[in-house]
N, C-alpha and C. Protein backbone atom coordinates (compact mmCIF):
# COMPACT_ATOMS: atom_id res chain seq x y z
N MET A 1 73.20 77.02 87.58
CA MET A 1 73.46 77.97 88.74
C MET A 1 72.73 79.52 88.24
N THR A 2 72.27 79.62 88.90
CA THR A 2 71.79 81.14 88.79
C THR A 2 72.82 82.32 88.68
N LYS A 3 72.51 83.17 87.38
CA LYS A 3 73.50 84.12 86.96
C LYS A 3 72.98 85.32 87.93
N VAL A 4 74.04 86.10 88.65
CA VAL A 4 73.74 87.18 89.23
C VAL A 4 74.17 88.50 88.34
N LYS A 5 73.07 89.54 88.01
CA LYS A 5 73.06 90.50 87.31
C LYS A 5 73.74 91.61 87.86
N LEU A 6 74.71 91.86 87.39
CA LEU A 6 75.47 93.64 88.07
C LEU A 6 74.52 94.37 87.63
N PRO A 7 74.44 95.46 88.42
CA PRO A 7 73.88 96.69 88.41
C PRO A 7 74.66 97.58 86.95
N LYS A 8 73.83 98.52 86.43
CA LYS A 8 74.37 99.32 85.40
C LYS A 8 75.15 100.22 85.91
N LEU A 9 76.66 100.26 85.41
CA LEU A 9 77.36 101.60 86.05
C LEU A 9 77.22 102.92 85.26
N PRO A 10 77.46 104.03 85.81
CA PRO A 10 77.44 105.09 85.22
C PRO A 10 78.42 105.21 84.21
N ARG A 11 77.89 105.92 82.94
CA ARG A 11 78.78 106.28 81.67
C ARG A 11 80.22 106.55 82.27
N GLY A 12 81.12 105.93 81.63
CA GLY A 12 82.63 106.11 81.91
C GLY A 12 82.95 105.35 83.14
N VAL A 13 82.43 104.69 83.66
CA VAL A 13 82.79 103.66 84.95
C VAL A 13 83.71 102.74 84.75
N PHE A 14 84.76 102.63 84.75
CA PHE A 14 85.29 101.46 84.47
C PHE A 14 85.72 101.62 83.04
N ALA A 15 85.49 102.42 82.31
CA ALA A 15 85.29 102.01 80.67
C ALA A 15 86.59 101.98 80.08
N GLY A 16 86.92 101.06 79.23
CA GLY A 16 87.96 100.91 78.41
C GLY A 16 89.31 100.45 79.43
N THR A 17 88.78 99.78 80.36
CA THR A 17 90.20 99.30 81.20
C THR A 17 90.48 97.77 80.68
N GLU A 18 91.64 97.59 80.08
CA GLU A 18 91.87 96.45 79.68
C GLU A 18 93.15 95.95 80.29
N PHE A 19 93.26 94.21 80.08
CA PHE A 19 94.43 93.66 80.79
C PHE A 19 94.76 92.68 79.59
N GLU A 20 96.00 92.73 79.06
CA GLU A 20 96.43 91.56 78.49
C GLU A 20 95.29 91.44 76.94
N GLY A 21 94.86 92.39 76.65
CA GLY A 21 94.18 92.74 75.43
C GLY A 21 92.92 92.19 75.49
N ARG A 22 92.29 91.90 76.46
CA ARG A 22 90.76 91.49 76.54
C ARG A 22 90.30 92.36 77.50
N GLN A 23 88.78 92.64 77.33
CA GLN A 23 88.03 93.42 77.85
C GLN A 23 87.42 92.85 79.08
N HIS A 24 87.79 93.36 80.33
CA HIS A 24 87.47 92.85 81.59
C HIS A 24 85.98 93.38 81.87
N SER A 25 84.94 92.58 82.66
CA SER A 25 83.88 92.89 83.07
C SER A 25 83.71 93.68 84.30
N PRO A 26 82.92 94.66 84.72
CA PRO A 26 82.87 95.29 85.54
C PRO A 26 83.39 94.57 87.02
N LEU A 27 82.74 93.43 87.05
CA LEU A 27 83.17 92.72 88.54
C LEU A 27 84.80 92.48 88.63
N ASP A 28 85.40 92.24 87.37
CA ASP A 28 86.88 91.82 87.47
C ASP A 28 87.43 93.15 87.67
N ARG A 29 86.91 94.60 87.17
CA ARG A 29 87.69 95.89 87.53
C ARG A 29 87.40 96.04 88.59
N ILE A 30 86.53 95.87 89.48
CA ILE A 30 86.47 96.27 90.75
C ILE A 30 87.16 95.43 91.73
N LEU A 31 87.42 94.11 91.52
CA LEU A 31 88.37 93.32 92.21
C LEU A 31 89.71 93.83 92.03
N GLY A 32 89.99 94.26 90.70
CA GLY A 32 91.21 94.69 90.12
C GLY A 32 91.70 95.88 91.15
N GLU A 33 90.72 96.72 91.20
CA GLU A 33 90.94 98.16 91.60
C GLU A 33 91.22 97.72 93.39
N PHE A 34 90.12 96.78 93.86
CA PHE A 34 90.36 96.41 95.54
C PHE A 34 91.78 96.03 95.76
N ASP A 35 92.32 95.03 94.89
CA ASP A 35 93.55 94.65 94.97
C ASP A 35 94.81 95.89 94.78
N ARG A 36 94.30 96.45 93.98
CA ARG A 36 95.37 98.10 93.91
C ARG A 36 95.17 98.81 95.33
N ALA A 37 94.13 98.74 95.71
CA ALA A 37 94.02 99.57 97.12
C ALA A 37 94.71 98.93 98.02
N LEU A 38 94.80 97.58 98.28
CA LEU A 38 95.25 96.91 99.52
C LEU A 38 96.90 96.93 99.29
N ARG A 39 97.40 96.99 97.79
CA ARG A 39 99.03 96.99 97.72
C ARG A 39 99.33 98.29 98.20
N THR A 40 98.42 99.39 97.69
CA THR A 40 98.98 100.84 98.04
C THR A 40 98.86 100.96 99.27
N LEU A 41 98.22 100.43 100.19
CA LEU A 41 98.08 100.51 101.43
C LEU A 41 99.02 99.66 102.37
N ALA A 42 98.85 98.48 102.00
CA ALA A 42 99.62 97.08 102.87
C ALA A 42 101.15 96.93 102.68
N ALA A 43 101.35 97.04 101.00
CA ALA A 43 102.52 96.36 100.66
C ALA A 43 103.46 97.36 100.31
N PRO A 44 105.10 97.08 100.33
CA PRO A 44 105.87 98.16 100.16
C PRO A 44 105.78 98.82 98.63
N ALA A 45 105.78 100.27 98.35
CA ALA A 45 105.91 100.72 97.32
C ALA A 45 106.90 100.09 96.38
N LEU A 46 106.83 99.74 95.24
CA LEU A 46 107.85 99.63 94.17
C LEU A 46 107.92 100.56 92.93
N GLY A 47 108.98 101.62 93.21
CA GLY A 47 108.93 102.30 92.13
C GLY A 47 109.75 101.95 91.19
N THR A 48 109.68 102.82 89.85
CA THR A 48 110.48 102.59 88.73
C THR A 48 111.79 103.20 88.34
N ARG A 49 112.07 104.59 89.04
CA ARG A 49 113.08 105.64 89.01
C ARG A 49 114.19 105.56 89.78
N SER A 50 115.34 105.96 89.73
CA SER A 50 115.98 105.74 90.60
C SER A 50 115.56 106.73 91.94
N ASN A 51 115.97 106.34 92.98
CA ASN A 51 115.70 107.31 94.32
C ASN A 51 116.63 108.46 93.97
N PRO A 52 115.94 109.67 94.15
CA PRO A 52 116.97 110.96 94.06
C PRO A 52 118.15 111.03 95.07
N ALA A 53 118.04 110.44 96.23
CA ALA A 53 118.86 110.43 97.35
C ALA A 53 119.82 109.48 97.11
N ARG A 54 120.00 108.69 96.03
CA ARG A 54 121.06 107.54 96.08
C ARG A 54 122.21 108.34 95.90
N GLY A 55 123.25 107.79 96.59
CA GLY A 55 124.63 108.43 96.66
C GLY A 55 124.96 109.28 97.22
N LEU A 56 123.99 110.01 97.77
CA LEU A 56 124.15 111.54 98.76
C LEU A 56 124.26 111.09 99.91
N PRO A 57 125.41 111.67 100.84
CA PRO A 57 125.46 111.45 101.88
C PRO A 57 124.41 111.61 103.09
N GLU A 58 124.65 111.00 104.04
CA GLU A 58 123.55 111.05 105.38
C GLU A 58 123.97 112.00 106.01
N ALA A 59 123.11 113.22 106.44
CA ALA A 59 123.27 114.30 107.45
C ALA A 59 123.38 113.81 108.78
N ASP A 60 124.26 114.52 109.54
CA ASP A 60 124.43 114.19 111.13
C ASP A 60 123.49 114.93 111.59
N LEU A 61 122.26 114.48 111.82
CA LEU A 61 120.90 115.29 112.47
C LEU A 61 120.92 114.87 113.83
N ASP A 62 120.37 115.59 114.71
CA ASP A 62 120.25 115.64 116.19
C ASP A 62 118.71 114.79 116.04
N ALA A 63 118.63 114.07 117.31
CA ALA A 63 117.35 113.25 117.49
C ALA A 63 116.11 114.13 117.02
N GLN A 64 115.91 115.43 117.60
CA GLN A 64 114.90 116.56 117.26
C GLN A 64 114.61 116.51 115.73
N ALA A 65 115.74 116.90 115.17
CA ALA A 65 115.70 117.01 113.62
C ALA A 65 115.31 115.93 112.55
N ARG A 66 115.82 114.81 113.11
CA ARG A 66 115.51 113.64 112.52
C ARG A 66 114.02 113.23 112.66
N GLN A 67 113.33 113.40 113.81
CA GLN A 67 111.97 113.48 113.91
C GLN A 67 111.08 114.28 113.44
N HIS A 68 111.71 115.46 113.36
CA HIS A 68 110.87 116.31 112.54
C HIS A 68 110.76 116.04 111.13
N THR A 69 111.70 115.83 110.69
CA THR A 69 111.99 115.56 109.32
C THR A 69 111.19 114.22 108.80
N ALA A 70 111.20 113.27 109.53
CA ALA A 70 110.68 111.75 109.60
C ALA A 70 109.17 112.35 109.31
N ARG A 71 108.64 113.16 110.20
CA ARG A 71 107.09 113.57 110.20
C ARG A 71 106.79 114.39 109.21
N LEU A 72 107.63 115.14 108.76
CA LEU A 72 107.24 115.95 107.31
C LEU A 72 107.21 114.88 106.05
N MET A 73 108.04 114.00 106.26
CA MET A 73 108.12 112.84 105.03
C MET A 73 106.77 112.06 105.19
N ARG A 74 106.71 111.82 106.29
CA ARG A 74 104.95 111.05 106.34
C ARG A 74 103.78 111.92 106.02
N ILE A 75 103.82 113.13 106.46
CA ILE A 75 103.00 113.81 105.38
C ILE A 75 103.26 113.74 103.95
N ASN A 76 104.14 113.78 103.46
CA ASN A 76 104.45 113.50 102.08
C ASN A 76 104.07 112.24 101.68
N HIS A 77 104.04 111.29 102.50
CA HIS A 77 103.66 109.72 102.19
C HIS A 77 102.28 109.99 102.10
N THR A 78 101.58 110.18 103.28
CA THR A 78 100.17 110.44 103.15
C THR A 78 99.46 111.00 101.83
N GLY A 79 100.22 112.43 101.49
CA GLY A 79 99.70 113.00 100.31
C GLY A 79 99.76 111.80 99.12
N GLU A 80 100.68 111.18 99.03
CA GLU A 80 100.92 110.50 97.89
C GLU A 80 100.04 108.99 97.88
N ILE A 81 99.76 108.80 99.24
CA ILE A 81 98.71 107.80 99.16
C ILE A 81 97.05 108.46 98.80
N CYS A 82 97.11 109.76 99.17
CA CYS A 82 95.88 110.32 98.63
C CYS A 82 95.97 110.39 97.17
N ALA A 83 97.16 110.56 96.44
CA ALA A 83 97.59 110.73 95.11
C ALA A 83 97.02 109.58 94.27
N GLN A 84 97.39 108.36 94.96
CA GLN A 84 97.33 107.06 94.42
C GLN A 84 95.73 107.02 94.02
N ALA A 85 94.89 107.03 95.29
CA ALA A 85 93.43 107.09 95.24
C ALA A 85 92.87 107.99 94.35
N LEU A 86 93.36 109.39 94.27
CA LEU A 86 92.50 110.31 93.59
C LEU A 86 92.65 110.06 92.04
N TYR A 87 93.92 109.39 91.73
CA TYR A 87 94.34 108.87 90.46
C TYR A 87 93.36 107.94 90.08
N GLN A 88 93.16 106.94 90.80
CA GLN A 88 92.57 105.66 90.63
C GLN A 88 91.02 105.96 90.38
N GLY A 89 90.34 106.99 91.22
CA GLY A 89 89.04 107.28 91.04
C GLY A 89 88.90 107.87 89.74
N GLN A 90 89.87 108.81 89.42
CA GLN A 90 89.53 109.71 88.07
C GLN A 90 89.94 108.81 86.71
N ALA A 91 90.72 107.95 86.89
CA ALA A 91 91.00 107.01 85.62
C ALA A 91 89.61 105.99 85.61
N LEU A 92 89.22 105.61 86.60
CA LEU A 92 87.80 104.81 86.54
C LEU A 92 86.43 105.72 85.92
N THR A 93 86.66 106.70 86.09
CA THR A 93 85.46 107.64 85.40
C THR A 93 85.95 108.41 84.31
N ALA A 94 87.12 108.51 83.75
CA ALA A 94 87.55 109.32 82.80
C ALA A 94 86.48 108.81 81.54
N ARG A 95 86.18 109.73 80.69
CA ARG A 95 85.35 109.31 79.65
C ARG A 95 86.23 109.30 78.49
N ILE A 96 87.20 109.91 78.32
CA ILE A 96 88.21 110.03 77.32
C ILE A 96 89.43 109.16 77.45
N SER A 97 89.71 107.93 76.48
CA SER A 97 90.69 107.18 76.83
C SER A 97 92.20 107.84 76.93
N ALA A 98 92.26 108.63 76.22
CA ALA A 98 93.95 109.54 76.14
C ALA A 98 93.75 110.46 77.53
N ASN A 99 92.81 110.62 78.07
CA ASN A 99 93.12 111.08 79.52
C ASN A 99 93.24 110.16 80.43
N ARG A 100 92.52 109.09 80.40
CA ARG A 100 92.62 108.13 81.18
C ARG A 100 94.21 107.37 81.28
N GLU A 101 94.73 107.21 80.22
CA GLU A 101 96.06 106.87 80.13
C GLU A 101 96.95 107.62 80.57
N ALA A 102 96.75 109.04 80.06
CA ALA A 102 97.63 110.11 80.55
C ALA A 102 97.45 110.20 82.47
N LEU A 103 96.33 110.03 82.83
CA LEU A 103 96.06 109.86 84.37
C LEU A 103 96.95 108.56 85.05
N ARG A 104 96.76 107.28 84.36
CA ARG A 104 97.54 106.39 84.91
C ARG A 104 99.19 106.66 84.58
N GLY A 105 99.61 107.26 83.89
CA GLY A 105 101.00 107.55 83.56
C GLY A 105 101.43 108.41 84.62
N ALA A 106 100.53 109.55 84.88
CA ALA A 106 101.24 110.37 86.16
C ALA A 106 101.12 109.53 87.33
N SER A 107 100.14 108.48 87.62
CA SER A 107 100.05 107.81 88.90
C SER A 107 101.11 106.97 89.13
N ALA A 108 101.98 106.45 87.91
CA ALA A 108 102.98 105.53 88.06
C ALA A 108 104.28 106.66 88.75
N GLU A 109 104.34 107.93 88.42
CA GLU A 109 105.34 108.62 89.11
C GLU A 109 104.74 108.87 90.39
N GLU A 110 103.92 108.80 90.92
CA GLU A 110 103.11 108.85 92.25
C GLU A 110 103.69 107.81 93.18
N VAL A 111 103.70 106.50 92.28
CA VAL A 111 104.21 105.40 93.05
C VAL A 111 106.00 105.39 93.28
N ASP A 112 106.39 106.35 92.61
CA ASP A 112 107.74 106.46 92.86
C ASP A 112 107.95 107.29 94.05
N HIS A 113 107.08 108.39 94.22
CA HIS A 113 107.17 109.31 95.22
C HIS A 113 107.01 108.18 96.79
N LEU A 114 105.90 107.39 96.52
CA LEU A 114 105.50 106.53 97.79
C LEU A 114 106.87 106.02 97.97
N ALA A 115 107.39 105.09 97.16
CA ALA A 115 108.87 104.36 97.50
C ALA A 115 109.72 105.05 97.98
N TRP A 116 110.24 106.45 97.43
CA TRP A 116 111.27 107.34 98.12
C TRP A 116 110.74 107.80 99.57
N CYS A 117 109.52 108.31 99.71
CA CYS A 117 109.14 108.65 101.06
C CYS A 117 109.18 107.45 102.07
N GLU A 118 108.80 106.06 101.64
CA GLU A 118 108.79 105.00 102.52
C GLU A 118 110.30 105.05 103.00
N ALA A 119 111.19 105.00 101.81
CA ALA A 119 112.56 104.94 102.14
C ALA A 119 113.37 105.64 103.29
N ARG A 120 112.79 106.94 102.73
CA ARG A 120 113.34 107.91 103.86
C ARG A 120 113.02 107.73 105.25
N ILE A 121 111.95 107.81 105.45
CA ILE A 121 110.82 107.46 106.53
C ILE A 121 111.70 106.64 107.26
N GLY A 122 112.04 105.66 106.82
CA GLY A 122 112.61 104.40 107.45
C GLY A 122 114.10 104.54 107.89
N GLU A 123 114.89 105.07 106.80
CA GLU A 123 116.30 105.90 107.50
C GLU A 123 116.21 106.70 108.37
N LEU A 124 115.03 107.96 108.63
CA LEU A 124 115.15 108.33 109.72
C LEU A 124 114.72 107.99 110.93
N GLY A 125 114.36 106.66 110.86
CA GLY A 125 113.62 105.95 112.10
C GLY A 125 112.18 106.59 112.26
N GLY A 126 111.67 106.99 111.48
CA GLY A 126 110.31 107.05 111.60
C GLY A 126 109.03 106.14 111.23
N ARG A 127 107.88 106.19 110.96
CA ARG A 127 106.83 105.42 110.60
C ARG A 127 105.88 106.36 109.61
N THR A 128 105.17 105.14 108.90
CA THR A 128 104.11 105.75 108.36
C THR A 128 103.09 106.34 109.07
N SER A 129 101.78 106.87 108.47
CA SER A 129 100.56 107.33 109.32
C SER A 129 99.78 106.04 109.43
N PHE A 130 99.11 106.17 110.71
CA PHE A 130 97.87 105.24 110.74
C PHE A 130 96.79 105.61 110.31
N LEU A 131 96.45 106.58 109.69
CA LEU A 131 95.25 107.40 109.27
C LEU A 131 95.04 107.15 107.53
N ASN A 132 96.28 106.53 107.31
CA ASN A 132 96.30 106.29 105.56
C ASN A 132 95.13 105.33 104.87
N PRO A 133 94.70 104.55 105.56
CA PRO A 133 93.31 104.03 105.14
C PRO A 133 92.33 105.16 105.05
N LEU A 134 92.04 105.93 105.99
CA LEU A 134 91.12 106.77 106.06
C LEU A 134 91.14 107.93 104.83
N TRP A 135 92.07 108.31 104.76
CA TRP A 135 92.63 109.44 103.44
C TRP A 135 92.52 108.58 102.37
N TYR A 136 92.88 107.60 102.18
CA TYR A 136 92.81 106.78 100.97
C TYR A 136 91.59 106.70 100.09
N ALA A 137 90.51 106.41 101.27
CA ALA A 137 88.93 106.21 101.16
C ALA A 137 88.54 107.60 100.60
N GLY A 138 88.53 108.51 101.48
CA GLY A 138 88.09 110.10 100.94
C GLY A 138 88.75 110.43 99.60
N SER A 139 90.05 110.21 99.46
CA SER A 139 90.62 110.75 98.32
C SER A 139 89.79 109.81 96.82
N LEU A 140 89.91 108.39 97.05
CA LEU A 140 89.27 107.80 96.07
C LEU A 140 87.71 108.05 95.90
N ALA A 141 86.94 108.54 96.80
CA ALA A 141 85.47 108.92 96.70
C ALA A 141 85.56 110.40 96.03
N LEU A 142 86.58 111.04 96.27
CA LEU A 142 86.46 112.66 95.82
C LEU A 142 86.87 112.33 93.96
N GLY A 143 87.95 111.13 94.02
CA GLY A 143 88.22 111.07 92.54
C GLY A 143 87.65 110.79 91.94
N VAL A 144 86.44 109.44 91.98
CA VAL A 144 85.21 109.03 91.43
C VAL A 144 84.23 110.19 90.92
N ALA A 145 83.93 111.09 92.09
CA ALA A 145 82.93 112.16 91.94
C ALA A 145 83.85 113.33 91.03
N ALA A 146 84.54 113.36 91.16
CA ALA A 146 85.44 114.51 89.97
C ALA A 146 85.27 113.63 88.63
N GLY A 147 85.53 112.51 88.37
CA GLY A 147 85.41 111.86 87.18
C GLY A 147 84.15 111.84 87.04
N LEU A 148 83.01 111.86 87.60
CA LEU A 148 81.53 111.86 86.92
C LEU A 148 81.28 113.25 86.72
N ALA A 149 81.79 114.24 87.28
CA ALA A 149 81.66 115.18 86.83
C ALA A 149 82.02 115.80 85.36
N GLY A 150 82.73 115.20 84.91
CA GLY A 150 82.94 115.27 83.63
C GLY A 150 84.61 115.37 83.30
N ASP A 151 85.28 115.16 82.37
CA ASP A 151 86.87 115.42 82.57
C ASP A 151 87.35 116.81 82.85
N ARG A 152 86.85 117.79 82.04
CA ARG A 152 87.48 119.01 82.27
C ARG A 152 87.32 119.12 83.91
N TRP A 153 86.40 118.88 84.65
CA TRP A 153 86.33 119.26 86.19
C TRP A 153 87.11 118.38 86.85
N SER A 154 87.28 116.73 86.50
CA SER A 154 87.94 116.13 86.94
C SER A 154 89.48 116.60 86.86
N LEU A 155 89.86 117.02 85.82
CA LEU A 155 91.28 117.59 85.20
C LEU A 155 91.48 118.68 86.24
N ALA A 156 90.18 119.66 86.31
CA ALA A 156 90.32 120.69 87.11
C ALA A 156 90.88 120.40 88.53
N PHE A 157 90.30 119.25 89.16
CA PHE A 157 90.46 119.24 90.72
C PHE A 157 92.04 118.53 90.57
N LEU A 158 92.29 117.72 89.64
CA LEU A 158 93.90 117.06 89.67
C LEU A 158 94.57 118.54 89.44
N LYS A 159 94.68 119.50 88.73
CA LYS A 159 95.43 120.49 88.58
C LYS A 159 95.78 121.19 89.62
N GLU A 160 94.37 121.73 90.41
CA GLU A 160 94.56 122.55 91.63
C GLU A 160 95.27 121.78 92.76
N THR A 161 95.08 120.38 92.86
CA THR A 161 95.68 119.55 93.83
C THR A 161 97.04 119.50 93.69
N GLU A 162 97.48 119.39 92.48
CA GLU A 162 98.89 119.34 92.32
C GLU A 162 99.74 120.75 92.57
N ARG A 163 99.04 121.76 92.30
CA ARG A 163 99.22 123.26 92.40
C ARG A 163 99.41 123.13 94.03
N GLN A 164 98.59 122.61 94.52
CA GLN A 164 98.65 122.83 96.22
C GLN A 164 99.65 122.10 96.65
N VAL A 165 99.99 120.87 96.20
CA VAL A 165 100.88 120.00 96.89
C VAL A 165 102.15 120.43 96.46
N GLU A 166 102.44 121.10 95.14
CA GLU A 166 103.90 121.77 94.98
C GLU A 166 104.24 122.88 95.64
N GLY A 167 103.32 123.57 96.15
CA GLY A 167 103.23 124.63 97.43
C GLY A 167 103.82 124.18 98.51
N HIS A 168 103.12 123.18 98.91
CA HIS A 168 103.15 122.63 100.17
C HIS A 168 104.69 121.93 100.44
N LEU A 169 105.08 121.13 99.28
CA LEU A 169 106.57 120.62 98.90
C LEU A 169 107.65 121.71 99.40
N ALA A 170 107.37 122.91 98.66
CA ALA A 170 108.18 124.01 98.73
C ALA A 170 108.32 124.64 100.24
N GLY A 171 107.19 124.78 101.24
CA GLY A 171 107.19 125.04 102.42
C GLY A 171 108.04 123.82 103.05
N HIS A 172 108.05 122.42 102.99
CA HIS A 172 108.92 121.52 103.55
C HIS A 172 110.22 121.94 103.38
N LEU A 173 110.59 122.14 101.99
CA LEU A 173 112.03 122.54 101.71
C LEU A 173 112.58 123.75 102.42
N ALA A 174 111.85 124.69 102.91
CA ALA A 174 112.22 125.80 103.84
C ALA A 174 112.49 125.20 105.17
N LEU A 175 111.74 124.10 105.69
CA LEU A 175 111.93 123.61 107.22
C LEU A 175 112.86 122.50 107.02
N ILE A 176 113.21 121.84 105.81
CA ILE A 176 114.31 120.49 106.10
C ILE A 176 115.55 121.32 106.37
N PRO A 177 116.32 120.50 107.53
CA PRO A 177 117.87 121.36 107.15
C PRO A 177 118.61 121.38 105.88
N ALA A 178 119.16 122.14 105.58
CA ALA A 178 120.12 122.30 104.36
C ALA A 178 121.09 121.27 104.33
N ALA A 179 121.76 120.70 105.49
CA ALA A 179 122.68 119.65 105.57
C ALA A 179 122.20 118.12 105.20
N ASP A 180 120.74 118.40 105.35
CA ASP A 180 119.88 116.88 104.99
C ASP A 180 119.90 116.80 103.55
N GLN A 181 120.86 116.28 102.76
CA GLN A 181 120.95 116.35 101.16
C GLN A 181 119.85 115.41 100.77
N ARG A 182 119.76 114.10 101.43
CA ARG A 182 119.24 112.97 101.00
C ARG A 182 117.59 113.44 101.12
N THR A 183 116.92 114.01 102.05
CA THR A 183 115.72 114.26 102.07
C THR A 183 115.39 115.55 100.89
N ARG A 184 115.87 116.47 101.22
CA ARG A 184 115.91 117.94 100.11
C ARG A 184 115.96 117.06 98.62
N ALA A 185 116.62 116.07 98.28
CA ALA A 185 116.66 115.52 96.74
C ALA A 185 115.38 115.32 96.50
N ILE A 186 114.90 114.15 97.50
CA ILE A 186 113.09 113.64 97.18
C ILE A 186 112.62 114.56 97.29
N VAL A 187 112.39 115.30 98.10
CA VAL A 187 111.39 116.40 97.80
C VAL A 187 111.18 117.46 96.76
N GLU A 188 112.64 117.90 96.15
CA GLU A 188 112.81 118.49 95.38
C GLU A 188 112.41 117.79 93.78
N GLN A 189 112.79 116.31 93.55
CA GLN A 189 112.33 116.10 92.60
C GLN A 189 110.71 115.83 92.57
N MET A 190 110.13 115.33 93.75
CA MET A 190 108.52 115.47 93.99
C MET A 190 108.01 116.78 93.32
N LYS A 191 108.65 117.64 93.82
CA LYS A 191 107.99 118.92 93.36
C LYS A 191 108.12 119.51 91.95
N LYS A 192 108.98 118.83 91.38
CA LYS A 192 109.19 118.99 89.83
C LYS A 192 107.97 118.14 89.45
N ASP A 193 107.73 116.93 89.72
CA ASP A 193 107.13 115.97 89.28
C ASP A 193 105.62 116.66 89.46
N GLU A 194 105.45 117.03 90.36
CA GLU A 194 103.97 117.48 90.81
C GLU A 194 103.64 118.82 89.79
N ALA A 195 104.50 119.85 89.63
CA ALA A 195 104.46 120.73 88.66
C ALA A 195 103.98 120.16 87.25
N GLY A 196 104.84 119.08 86.88
CA GLY A 196 104.68 118.50 85.55
C GLY A 196 103.01 118.14 85.56
N HIS A 197 102.53 117.19 86.41
CA HIS A 197 101.31 116.78 86.45
C HIS A 197 100.25 117.76 86.39
N ALA A 198 100.26 118.89 87.14
CA ALA A 198 99.61 120.02 87.14
C ALA A 198 99.29 120.88 85.56
N GLU A 199 100.55 120.69 84.86
CA GLU A 199 100.98 121.50 83.41
C GLU A 199 99.96 120.18 82.34
N LEU A 200 100.37 119.03 82.87
CA LEU A 200 99.34 118.08 81.95
C LEU A 200 98.02 117.90 82.07
N ALA A 201 97.60 118.48 83.31
CA ALA A 201 96.02 118.56 83.46
C ALA A 201 95.55 119.70 82.84
N GLN A 202 96.45 120.71 82.68
CA GLN A 202 96.12 121.84 82.18
C GLN A 202 96.18 121.85 80.58
N HIS A 203 97.27 120.96 79.85
CA HIS A 203 96.92 120.83 78.44
C HIS A 203 96.04 119.83 78.05
N LEU A 204 95.45 119.08 79.00
CA LEU A 204 94.46 118.03 78.80
C LEU A 204 92.72 118.65 78.71
N GLY A 205 93.11 120.07 78.74
CA GLY A 205 91.97 120.79 79.02
C GLY A 205 91.04 120.95 80.39
N ALA A 206 91.49 121.14 81.31
CA ALA A 206 91.19 121.23 82.66
C ALA A 206 90.67 122.76 82.90
N ALA A 207 89.49 122.56 83.39
CA ALA A 207 88.71 123.87 83.89
C ALA A 207 89.47 124.71 84.88
N GLU A 208 88.79 125.66 85.36
CA GLU A 208 89.48 126.50 86.44
C GLU A 208 88.37 126.59 87.62
N PHE A 209 88.73 126.22 88.81
CA PHE A 209 88.17 126.43 90.09
C PHE A 209 87.83 127.47 90.48
N SER A 210 86.63 127.73 91.29
CA SER A 210 86.55 128.99 91.82
C SER A 210 87.33 129.15 93.17
N SER A 211 87.56 130.50 93.62
CA SER A 211 88.21 130.55 94.58
C SER A 211 87.57 130.06 96.11
N SER A 212 86.34 129.70 95.98
CA SER A 212 85.82 129.06 97.06
C SER A 212 86.12 127.70 97.26
N LEU A 213 86.13 126.96 96.07
CA LEU A 213 86.58 125.62 95.90
C LEU A 213 88.16 125.41 96.19
N LYS A 214 88.82 126.18 95.83
CA LYS A 214 90.35 126.45 96.15
C LYS A 214 90.76 126.33 97.83
N TRP A 215 89.75 127.36 98.33
CA TRP A 215 89.62 127.50 99.56
C TRP A 215 89.52 126.33 100.47
N ALA A 216 88.37 125.55 99.93
CA ALA A 216 87.84 124.06 100.76
C ALA A 216 88.94 123.02 100.72
N MET A 217 89.67 123.25 99.26
CA MET A 217 90.68 122.32 99.16
C MET A 217 91.95 122.25 100.18
N ARG A 218 92.38 123.86 100.50
CA ARG A 218 93.26 124.08 101.38
C ARG A 218 92.90 123.89 102.53
N LEU A 219 91.58 123.87 103.15
CA LEU A 219 91.21 123.61 104.46
C LEU A 219 91.41 122.08 104.59
N SER A 220 90.90 121.15 103.75
CA SER A 220 90.95 119.89 103.87
C SER A 220 92.63 119.43 103.92
N SER A 221 93.27 120.05 102.85
CA SER A 221 94.95 119.73 103.00
C SER A 221 95.43 120.16 104.55
N LYS A 222 94.99 121.09 105.11
CA LYS A 222 95.56 121.70 106.21
C LYS A 222 95.29 120.43 107.39
N LEU A 223 93.71 120.00 107.25
CA LEU A 223 93.34 118.89 108.15
C LEU A 223 94.33 117.74 107.91
N MET A 224 94.81 117.32 106.84
CA MET A 224 95.28 116.01 106.76
C MET A 224 96.98 116.32 107.20
N THR A 225 97.51 117.22 107.06
CA THR A 225 98.94 117.65 107.42
C THR A 225 99.02 117.77 108.73
N ARG A 226 98.13 118.22 109.38
CA ARG A 226 98.09 118.64 110.89
C ARG A 226 97.99 117.05 111.56
N SER A 227 96.88 116.35 111.17
CA SER A 227 96.81 115.16 111.72
C SER A 227 97.81 113.98 111.50
N VAL A 228 98.19 114.05 110.34
CA VAL A 228 99.18 113.19 110.08
C VAL A 228 100.53 113.45 110.61
N TYR A 229 101.19 114.38 110.97
CA TYR A 229 101.96 115.05 111.74
C TYR A 229 102.26 114.24 112.88
N TRP A 230 101.04 114.33 113.59
CA TRP A 230 101.01 113.24 114.81
C TRP A 230 100.61 112.01 115.08
N VAL A 231 99.88 111.56 114.03
CA VAL A 231 99.35 110.24 114.02
C VAL A 231 99.96 109.33 112.55
């Protein structure tokens, strides 16, 4: 049988990824990440922490308020899809093992967010976005590119992303009815976690982006939120 020679990967790509104590080949890791992408996009998210809405009463919202809130949570769900892809891309290309493990730990919290958003969207009678695969692919590419630029810049991208998401969630809290304790509890916990992720990136040595790069990221975020609200 003819052996297929795999192309040499850039430094840091898939470096140090292990499973059950053994080092996997680049092809193993590619297939593993492809499987992870499919599970993120197609399978129900399985969180590890208790849903913050657990035990809280359901609000008596009218149809318009329920629809609007479901769409806001759909935006948050797509944001978490993007976060999964971003963390995945950055973890694949992180040079420093400690940074890679920290990224995977933060990614696990984002899975909790996915599960909470999915559950609340269902309770409100809504659906997730049809655009999730598109935004996942774009975020994965950005994560890989940021990682290849070096850990400090990869962490800078993560820090700014989480800061913007934190602000975005604060804006949603101003729009969600005060009586909707279940949705508010979820969004408040997500906001707290995102602030922690930004602090983690800073602690790990994140650089600081220029104002023009921050503006470009805000523009991309607006495109996502406006499209996902409807689609």
